[in-house]
Amino acid sequence: MKNKIKEIRKVMKMSQDELAKKCNVTRQTVNAIENEKYDPTLLLAFKLSKNLHCKVDELFIFEEEI
């Protein structure tokens, strides 16, 4: 699933480590999500959106497989 975490995080001048701490996950988890190697749980998606001050559907882009 594509996402805009990195772009929004950079605009907010927040490091991966800072975001990870706010969401109670590791920096490696944030990195894996940003690089689309891991899809977050629903709970984590909501935590990310809350800490990045945006809606979940603004943060993640669902691309339906055909």
PDB file of N, CA and C in Angstrom:
ATOM      1  N   MET A   1       0.840  -1.174   0.000  1.00  0.00           N
ATOM      2  CA  MET A   1       0.000   0.000   0.000  1.00  0.00           C
ATOM      3  C   MET A   1       0.888   1.241   0.000  1.00  0.00           C
ATOM      4  N   LYS A   2       0.619   2.142  -0.888  1.00  0.00           N
ATOM      5  CA  LYS A   2       1.391   3.377  -0.964  1.00  0.00           C
ATOM      6  C   LYS A   2       1.001   4.298   0.191  1.00  0.00           C
ATOM      7  N   ASN A   3       1.943   5.170   0.565  1.00  0.00           N
ATOM      8  CA  ASN A   3       1.650   6.111   1.641  1.00  0.00           C
ATOM      9  C   ASN A   3       2.445   7.397   1.465  1.00  0.00           C
ATOM     10  N   LYS A   4       2.039   8.413   2.221  1.00  0.00           N
ATOM     11  CA  LYS A   4       2.689   9.722   2.168  1.00  0.00           C
ATOM     12  C   LYS A   4       3.365  10.048   3.496  1.00  0.00           C
ATOM     13  N   ILE A   5       3.679   9.022   4.278  1.00  0.00           N
ATOM     14  CA  ILE A   5       4.244   9.243   5.610  1.00  0.00           C
ATOM     15  C   ILE A   5       5.528  10.056   5.535  1.00  0.00           C
ATOM     16  N   LYS A   6       6.449   9.647   4.693  1.00  0.00           N
ATOM     17  CA  LYS A   6       7.744  10.326   4.606  1.00  0.00           C
ATOM     18  C   LYS A   6       7.580  11.791   4.231  1.00  0.00           C
ATOM     19  N   GLU A   7       6.751  12.069   3.229  1.00  0.00           N
ATOM     20  CA  GLU A   7       6.559  13.442   2.774  1.00  0.00           C
ATOM     21  C   GLU A   7       5.967  14.314   3.882  1.00  0.00           C
ATOM     22  N   ILE A   8       4.932  13.817   4.536  1.00  0.00           N
ATOM     23  CA  ILE A   8       4.277  14.595   5.593  1.00  0.00           C
ATOM     24  C   ILE A   8       5.204  14.740   6.796  1.00  0.00           C
ATOM     25  N   ARG A   9       5.903  13.674   7.145  1.00  0.00           N
ATOM     26  CA  ARG A   9       6.835  13.702   8.274  1.00  0.00           C
ATOM     27  C   ARG A   9       7.926  14.749   8.039  1.00  0.00           C
ATOM     28  N   LYS A  10       8.457  14.814   6.814  1.00  0.00           N
ATOM     29  CA  LYS A  10       9.511  15.786   6.497  1.00  0.00           C
ATOM     30  C   LYS A  10       8.996  17.220   6.554  1.00  0.00           C
ATOM     31  N   VAL A  11       7.767  17.449   6.078  1.00  0.00           N
ATOM     32  CA  VAL A  11       7.173  18.784   6.149  1.00  0.00           C
ATOM     33  C   VAL A  11       7.058  19.220   7.608  1.00  0.00           C
ATOM     34  N   MET A  12       6.759  18.263   8.473  1.00  0.00           N
ATOM     35  CA  MET A  12       6.620  18.561   9.903  1.00  0.00           C
ATOM     36  C   MET A  12       7.976  18.581  10.622  1.00  0.00           C
ATOM     37  N   LYS A  13       9.062  18.352   9.867  1.00  0.00           N
ATOM     38  CA  LYS A  13      10.421  18.333  10.421  1.00  0.00           C
ATOM     39  C   LYS A  13      10.533  17.344  11.579  1.00  0.00           C
ATOM     40  N   MET A  14       9.994  16.158  11.339  1.00  0.00           N
ATOM     41  CA  MET A  14      10.003  15.100  12.341  1.00  0.00           C
ATOM     42  C   MET A  14      10.855  13.944  11.824  1.00  0.00           C
ATOM     43  N   SER A  15      11.683  13.392  12.684  1.00  0.00           N
ATOM     44  CA  SER A  15      12.504  12.249  12.284  1.00  0.00           C
ATOM     45  C   SER A  15      11.699  10.965  12.390  1.00  0.00           C
ATOM     46  N   GLN A  16      12.210   9.915  11.766  1.00  0.00           N
ATOM     47  CA  GLN A  16      11.555   8.607  11.893  1.00  0.00           C
ATOM     48  C   GLN A  16      11.520   8.187  13.352  1.00  0.00           C
ATOM     49  N   ASP A  17      12.593   8.453  14.072  1.00  0.00           N
ATOM     50  CA  ASP A  17      12.675   8.075  15.480  1.00  0.00           C
ATOM     51  C   ASP A  17      11.629   8.808  16.320  1.00  0.00           C
ATOM     52  N   GLU A  18      11.450  10.096  16.061  1.00  0.00           N
ATOM     53  CA  GLU A  18      10.443  10.872  16.802  1.00  0.00           C
ATOM     54  C   GLU A  18       9.040  10.330  16.553  1.00  0.00           C
ATOM     55  N   LEU A  19       8.737  10.062  15.288  1.00  0.00           N
ATOM     56  CA  LEU A  19       7.420   9.520  14.951  1.00  0.00           C
ATOM     57  C   LEU A  19       7.229   8.145  15.577  1.00  0.00           C
ATOM     58  N   ALA A  20       8.259   7.327  15.515  1.00  0.00           N
ATOM     59  CA  ALA A  20       8.188   5.984  16.096  1.00  0.00           C
ATOM     60  C   ALA A  20       7.886   6.049  17.588  1.00  0.00           C
ATOM     61  N   LYS A  21       8.571   6.925  18.298  1.00  0.00           N
ATOM     62  CA  LYS A  21       8.352   7.051  19.748  1.00  0.00           C
ATOM     63  C   LYS A  21       6.930   7.495  20.046  1.00  0.00           C
ATOM     64  N   LYS A  22       6.401   8.413  19.259  1.00  0.00           N
ATOM     65  CA  LYS A  22       5.030   8.893  19.467  1.00  0.00           C
ATOM     66  C   LYS A  22       4.007   7.794  19.210  1.00  0.00           C
ATOM     67  N   CYS A  23       4.361   6.844  18.352  1.00  0.00           N
ATOM     68  CA  CYS A  23       3.435   5.759  17.996  1.00  0.00           C
ATOM     69  C   CYS A  23       3.749   4.452  18.735  1.00  0.00           C
ATOM     70  N   ASN A  24       4.760   4.484  19.606  1.00  0.00           N
ATOM     71  CA  ASN A  24       5.163   3.298  20.376  1.00  0.00           C
ATOM     72  C   ASN A  24       5.592   2.123  19.503  1.00  0.00           C
ATOM     73  N   VAL A  25       6.377   2.438  18.479  1.00  0.00           N
ATOM     74  CA  VAL A  25       6.965   1.404  17.618  1.00  0.00           C
ATOM     75  C   VAL A  25       8.440   1.740  17.428  1.00  0.00           C
ATOM     76  N   THR A  26       9.164   0.879  16.748  1.00  0.00           N
ATOM     77  CA  THR A  26      10.578   1.151  16.489  1.00  0.00           C
ATOM     78  C   THR A  26      10.745   2.017  15.241  1.00  0.00           C
ATOM     79  N   ARG A  27      11.924   2.624  15.135  1.00  0.00           N
ATOM     80  CA  ARG A  27      12.238   3.410  13.944  1.00  0.00           C
ATOM     81  C   ARG A  27      12.239   2.511  12.717  1.00  0.00           C
ATOM     82  N   GLN A  28      12.664   1.260  12.905  1.00  0.00           N
ATOM     83  CA  GLN A  28      12.692   0.313  11.797  1.00  0.00           C
ATOM     84  C   GLN A  28      11.291   0.041  11.259  1.00  0.00           C
ATOM     85  N   THR A  29      10.300   0.036  12.145  1.00  0.00           N
ATOM     86  CA  THR A  29       8.908  -0.163  11.720  1.00  0.00           C
ATOM     87  C   THR A  29       8.457   1.002  10.850  1.00  0.00           C
ATOM     88  N   VAL A  30       8.732   2.217  11.292  1.00  0.00           N
ATOM     89  CA  VAL A  30       8.366   3.406  10.509  1.00  0.00           C
ATOM     90  C   VAL A  30       9.070   3.362   9.154  1.00  0.00           C
ATOM     91  N   ASN A  31      10.345   3.000   9.153  1.00  0.00           N
ATOM     92  CA  ASN A  31      11.101   2.908   7.911  1.00  0.00           C
ATOM     93  C   ASN A  31      10.489   1.876   6.963  1.00  0.00           C
ATOM     94  N   ALA A  32      10.120   0.717   7.489  1.00  0.00           N
ATOM     95  CA  ALA A  32       9.534  -0.342   6.657  1.00  0.00           C
ATOM     96  C   ALA A  32       8.192   0.101   6.073  1.00  0.00           C
ATOM     97  N   ILE A  33       7.401   0.820   6.842  1.00  0.00           N
ATOM     98  CA  ILE A  33       6.104   1.310   6.339  1.00  0.00           C
ATOM     99  C   ILE A  33       6.337   2.357   5.259  1.00  0.00           C
ATOM    100  N   GLU A  34       7.245   3.307   5.518  1.00  0.00           N
ATOM    101  CA  GLU A  34       7.544   4.349   4.524  1.00  0.00           C
ATOM    102  C   GLU A  34       8.023   3.749   3.205  1.00  0.00           C
ATOM    103  N   ASN A  35       8.783   2.669   3.288  1.00  0.00           N
ATOM    104  CA  ASN A  35       9.337   2.035   2.087  1.00  0.00           C
ATOM    105  C   ASN A  35       8.429   0.940   1.523  1.00  0.00           C
ATOM    106  N   GLU A  36       7.208   0.895   2.024  1.00  0.00           N
ATOM    107  CA  GLU A  36       6.162  -0.008   1.534  1.00  0.00           C
ATOM    108  C   GLU A  36       6.554  -1.477   1.619  1.00  0.00           C
ATOM    109  N   LYS A  37       7.330  -1.815   2.655  1.00  0.00           N
ATOM    110  CA  LYS A  37       7.713  -3.197   2.894  1.00  0.00           C
ATOM    111  C   LYS A  37       6.839  -3.830   3.972  1.00  0.00           C
ATOM    112  N   TYR A  38       6.009  -3.001   4.625  1.00  0.00           N
ATOM    113  CA  TYR A  38       5.160  -3.469   5.712  1.00  0.00           C
ATOM    114  C   TYR A  38       3.907  -2.617   5.745  1.00  0.00           C
ATOM    115  N   ASP A  39       2.752  -3.259   5.818  1.00  0.00           N
ATOM    116  CA  ASP A  39       1.490  -2.539   5.974  1.00  0.00           C
ATOM    117  C   ASP A  39       1.148  -2.501   7.461  1.00  0.00           C
ATOM    118  N   PRO A  40       0.896  -1.312   7.992  1.00  0.00           N
ATOM    119  CA  PRO A  40       0.617  -1.209   9.420  1.00  0.00           C
ATOM    120  C   PRO A  40      -0.744  -1.783   9.789  1.00  0.00           C
ATOM    121  N   THR A  41      -0.888  -2.118  11.059  1.00  0.00           N
ATOM    122  CA  THR A  41      -2.195  -2.525  11.564  1.00  0.00           C
ATOM    123  C   THR A  41      -3.114  -1.312  11.506  1.00  0.00           C
ATOM    124  N   LEU A  42      -4.389  -1.540  11.645  1.00  0.00           N
ATOM    125  CA  LEU A  42      -5.342  -0.439  11.645  1.00  0.00           C
ATOM    126  C   LEU A  42      -5.055   0.515  12.795  1.00  0.00           C
ATOM    127  N   LEU A  43      -4.753  -0.028  13.970  1.00  0.00           N
ATOM    128  CA  LEU A  43      -4.444   0.801  15.130  1.00  0.00           C
ATOM    129  C   LEU A  43      -3.221   1.674  14.868  1.00  0.00           C
ATOM    130  N   LEU A  44      -2.173   1.095  14.298  1.00  0.00           N
ATOM    131  CA  LEU A  44      -0.972   1.867  14.007  1.00  0.00           C
ATOM    132  C   LEU A  44      -1.235   2.914  12.931  1.00  0.00           C
ATOM    133  N   ALA A  45      -2.038   2.601  11.950  1.00  0.00           N
ATOM    134  CA  ALA A  45      -2.391   3.577  10.913  1.00  0.00           C
ATOM    135  C   ALA A  45      -3.070   4.796  11.536  1.00  0.00           C
ATOM    136  N   PHE A  46      -3.953   4.560  12.495  1.00  0.00           N
ATOM    137  CA  PHE A  46      -4.623   5.668  13.176  1.00  0.00           C
ATOM    138  C   PHE A  46      -3.639   6.467  14.029  1.00  0.00           C
ATOM    139  N   LYS A  47      -2.701   5.777  14.689  1.00  0.00           N
ATOM    140  CA  LYS A  47      -1.689   6.480  15.489  1.00  0.00           C
ATOM    141  C   LYS A  47      -0.809   7.343  14.598  1.00  0.00           C
ATOM    142  N   LEU A  48      -0.404   6.807  13.450  1.00  0.00           N
ATOM    143  CA  LEU A  48       0.416   7.571  12.513  1.00  0.00           C
ATOM    144  C   LEU A  48      -0.333   8.804  12.026  1.00  0.00           C
ATOM    145  N   SER A  49      -1.579   8.629  11.636  1.00  0.00           N
ATOM    146  CA  SER A  49      -2.348   9.765  11.125  1.00  0.00           C
ATOM    147  C   SER A  49      -2.564  10.818  12.205  1.00  0.00           C
ATOM    148  N   LYS A  50      -2.813  10.380  13.425  1.00  0.00           N
ATOM    149  CA  LYS A  50      -3.004  11.333  14.525  1.00  0.00           C
ATOM    150  C   LYS A  50      -1.737  12.150  14.755  1.00  0.00           C
ATOM    151  N   ASN A  51      -0.595  11.476  14.792  1.00  0.00           N
ATOM    152  CA  ASN A  51       0.662  12.167  15.065  1.00  0.00           C
ATOM    153  C   ASN A  51       1.171  12.992  13.887  1.00  0.00           C
ATOM    154  N   LEU A  52       0.674  12.697  12.697  1.00  0.00           N
ATOM    155  CA  LEU A  52       1.028  13.486  11.514  1.00  0.00           C
ATOM    156  C   LEU A  52      -0.068  14.492  11.158  1.00  0.00           C
ATOM    157  N   HIS A  53      -1.079  14.578  12.022  1.00  0.00           N
ATOM    158  CA  HIS A  53      -2.163  15.563  11.892  1.00  0.00           C
ATOM    159  C   HIS A  53      -2.867  15.506  10.539  1.00  0.00           C
ATOM    160  N   CYS A  54      -3.232  14.293  10.148  1.00  0.00           N
ATOM    161  CA  CYS A  54      -3.985  14.128   8.915  1.00  0.00           C
ATOM    162  C   CYS A  54      -4.923  12.932   9.066  1.00  0.00           C
ATOM    163  N   LYS A  55      -5.795  12.767   8.102  1.00  0.00           N
ATOM    164  CA  LYS A  55      -6.719  11.635   8.118  1.00  0.00           C
ATOM    165  C   LYS A  55      -6.030  10.403   7.544  1.00  0.00           C
ATOM    166  N   VAL A  56      -6.481   9.240   7.968  1.00  0.00           N
ATOM    167  CA  VAL A  56      -5.896   7.986   7.497  1.00  0.00           C
ATOM    168  C   VAL A  56      -5.945   7.907   5.971  1.00  0.00           C
ATOM    169  N   ASP A  57      -7.073   8.299   5.388  1.00  0.00           N
ATOM    170  CA  ASP A  57      -7.195   8.192   3.929  1.00  0.00           C
ATOM    171  C   ASP A  57      -6.368   9.245   3.185  1.00  0.00           C
ATOM    172  N   GLU A  58      -5.839  10.242   3.889  1.00  0.00           N
ATOM    173  CA  GLU A  58      -4.907  11.191   3.280  1.00  0.00           C
ATOM    174  C   GLU A  58      -3.472  10.644   3.360  1.00  0.00           C
ATOM    175  N   LEU A  59      -3.237   9.779   4.324  1.00  0.00           N
ATOM    176  CA  LEU A  59      -1.905   9.239   4.575  1.00  0.00           C
ATOM    177  C   LEU A  59      -1.611   8.007   3.720  1.00  0.00           C
ATOM    178  N   PHE A  60      -2.641   7.188   3.499  1.00  0.00           N
ATOM    179  CA  PHE A  60      -2.472   5.939   2.753  1.00  0.00           C
ATOM    180  C   PHE A  60      -3.272   5.968   1.471  1.00  0.00           C
ATOM    181  N   ILE A  61      -2.675   5.448   0.403  1.00  0.00           N
ATOM    182  CA  ILE A  61      -3.330   5.398  -0.907  1.00  0.00           C
ATOM    183  C   ILE A  61      -3.583   3.949  -1.261  1.00  0.00           C
ATOM    184  N   PHE A  62      -4.842   3.592  -1.336  1.00  0.00           N
ATOM    185  CA  PHE A  62      -5.206   2.223  -1.669  1.00  0.00           C
ATOM    186  C   PHE A  62      -5.229   2.070  -3.176  1.00  0.00           C
ATOM    187  N   GLU A  63      -4.444   1.108  -3.657  1.00  0.00           N
ATOM    188  CA  GLU A  63      -4.421   0.818  -5.085  1.00  0.00           C
ATOM    189  C   GLU A  63      -4.933  -0.602  -5.266  1.00  0.00           C
ATOM    190  N   GLU A  64      -6.114  -0.717  -5.815  1.00  0.00           N
ATOM    191  CA  GLU A  64      -6.742  -2.013  -5.989  1.00  0.00           C
ATOM    192  C   GLU A  64      -6.001  -2.835  -7.031  1.00  0.00           C
ATOM    193  N   GLU A  65      -5.724  -4.074  -6.672  1.00  0.00           N
ATOM    194  CA  GLU A  65      -5.058  -4.975  -7.614  1.00  0.00           C
ATOM    195  C   GLU A  65      -6.080  -5.491  -8.613  1.00  0.00           C
ATOM    196  N   ILE A  66      -5.673  -5.549  -9.870  1.00  0.00           N
ATOM    197  CA  ILE A  66      -6.597  -5.978 -10.924  1.00  0.00           C
ATOM    198  C   ILE A  66      -6.253  -7.383 -11.355  1.00  0.00           C
TER     199      ILE A  66
END
